[in-house]
C-alpha atoms as a PDB file:
ATOM      1  CA  MET A   1      -8.565 -10.145  12.677  1.00  0.00           C
ATOM      2  CA  ALA A   2      -5.421 -11.626  14.150  1.00  0.00           C
ATOM      3  CA  GLU A   3      -2.507  -9.247  14.596  1.00  0.00           C
ATOM      4  CA  ASP A   4       0.294 -11.076  12.855  1.00  0.00           C
ATOM      5  CA  GLY A   5       2.248  -8.218  11.261  1.00  0.00           C
ATOM      6  CA  SER A   6       1.530  -9.483   7.755  1.00  0.00           C
ATOM      7  CA  ILE A   7       1.778  -7.175   4.749  1.00  0.00           C
ATOM      8  CA  GLU A   8      -2.000  -7.235   4.460  1.00  0.00           C
ATOM      9  CA  GLU A   9      -2.470  -6.204   8.092  1.00  0.00           C
ATOM     10  CA  VAL A  10       0.030  -3.351   7.857  1.00  0.00           C
ATOM     11  CA  ALA A  11      -1.513  -2.119   4.597  1.00  0.00           C
ATOM     12  CA  GLN A  12      -4.993  -2.173   6.112  1.00  0.00           C
ATOM     13  CA  LYS A  13      -3.836  -0.143   9.126  1.00  0.00           C
ATOM     14  CA  ILE A  14      -2.129   2.422   6.887  1.00  0.00           C
ATOM     15  CA  LEU A  15      -5.215   2.733   4.697  1.00  0.00           C
ATOM     16  CA  MET A  16      -7.426   3.243   7.745  1.00  0.00           C
ATOM     17  CA  VAL A  17      -5.152   6.046   8.985  1.00  0.00           C
ATOM     18  CA  MET A  18      -5.150   7.646   5.530  1.00  0.00           C
ATOM     19  CA  HIS A  19      -8.946   7.385   5.384  1.00  0.00           C
ATOM     20  CA  GLU A  20      -9.309   9.087   8.764  1.00  0.00           C
ATOM     21  CA  GLU A  21      -6.920  11.854   7.670  1.00  0.00           C
ATOM     22  CA  CYS A  22      -8.935  12.417   4.491  1.00  0.00           C
ATOM     23  CA  LEU A  23     -12.140  12.699   6.524  1.00  0.00           C
ATOM     24  CA  GLU A  24     -10.411  15.559   8.364  1.00  0.00           C
ATOM     25  CA  ALA A  25      -9.451  17.161   4.992  1.00  0.00           C
ATOM     26  CA  ASN A  26      -5.801  16.283   5.611  1.00  0.00           C
ATOM     27  CA  TYR A  27      -4.478  14.910   2.315  1.00  0.00           C
ATOM     28  CA  GLN A  28      -0.762  15.105   3.106  1.00  0.00           C
ATOM     29  CA  SER A  29      -0.248  11.329   3.377  1.00  0.00           C
ATOM     30  CA  VAL A  30      -2.071  10.807   0.058  1.00  0.00           C
ATOM     31  CA  GLU A  31       0.080  13.472  -1.580  1.00  0.00           C
ATOM     32  CA  ASN A  32       3.239  11.923  -0.107  1.00  0.00           C
ATOM     33  CA  LEU A  33       2.256   8.541  -1.518  1.00  0.00           C
ATOM     34  CA  ARG A  34       1.408  10.042  -4.905  1.00  0.00           C
ATOM     35  CA  THR A  35       4.777  11.761  -5.242  1.00  0.00           C
ATOM     36  CA  SER A  36       6.895   8.915  -3.840  1.00  0.00           C
ATOM     37  CA  MET A  37       8.989   6.706  -6.060  1.00  0.00           C
ATOM     38  CA  PRO A  38       7.481   3.235  -6.462  1.00  0.00           C
ATOM     39  CA  PRO A  39       9.772   0.313  -5.615  1.00  0.00           C
ATOM     40  CA  PRO A  40      11.242  -1.569  -8.575  1.00  0.00           C
ATOM     41  CA  VAL A  41       9.125  -4.479  -9.718  1.00  0.00           C
ATOM     42  CA  ALA A  42      10.525  -7.621 -11.273  1.00  0.00           C
ATOM     43  CA  HIS A  43       8.771  -8.552 -14.481  1.00  0.00           C
ATOM     44  CA  VAL A  44       8.677 -12.303 -14.853  1.00  0.00           C
ATOM     45  CA  ARG A  45       7.590 -14.067 -17.985  1.00  0.00           C
ATOM     46  CA  PRO A  46       5.510 -17.194 -17.476  1.00  0.00           C
ATOM     47  CA  ALA A  47       7.258 -20.436 -18.341  1.00  0.00           C
ATOM     48  CA  PHE A  48       5.542 -22.526 -20.978  1.00  0.00           C
ATOM     49  CA  ILE A  49       5.725 -26.249 -20.370  1.00  0.00           C
ATOM     50  CA  GLU A  50       5.111 -28.403 -23.406  1.00  0.00           C
END
């Protein structure tokens, strides 16, 4: 895997750290994620072309 700093790469690294923490029975990062506020998401309706 190339280290390019992409969103996918960063997410994978974070998930690996969280996985390792869970294996050590440390669930703090999971709990922090669970209780955090999700970022706002734009809801876009698909355009219909006729």
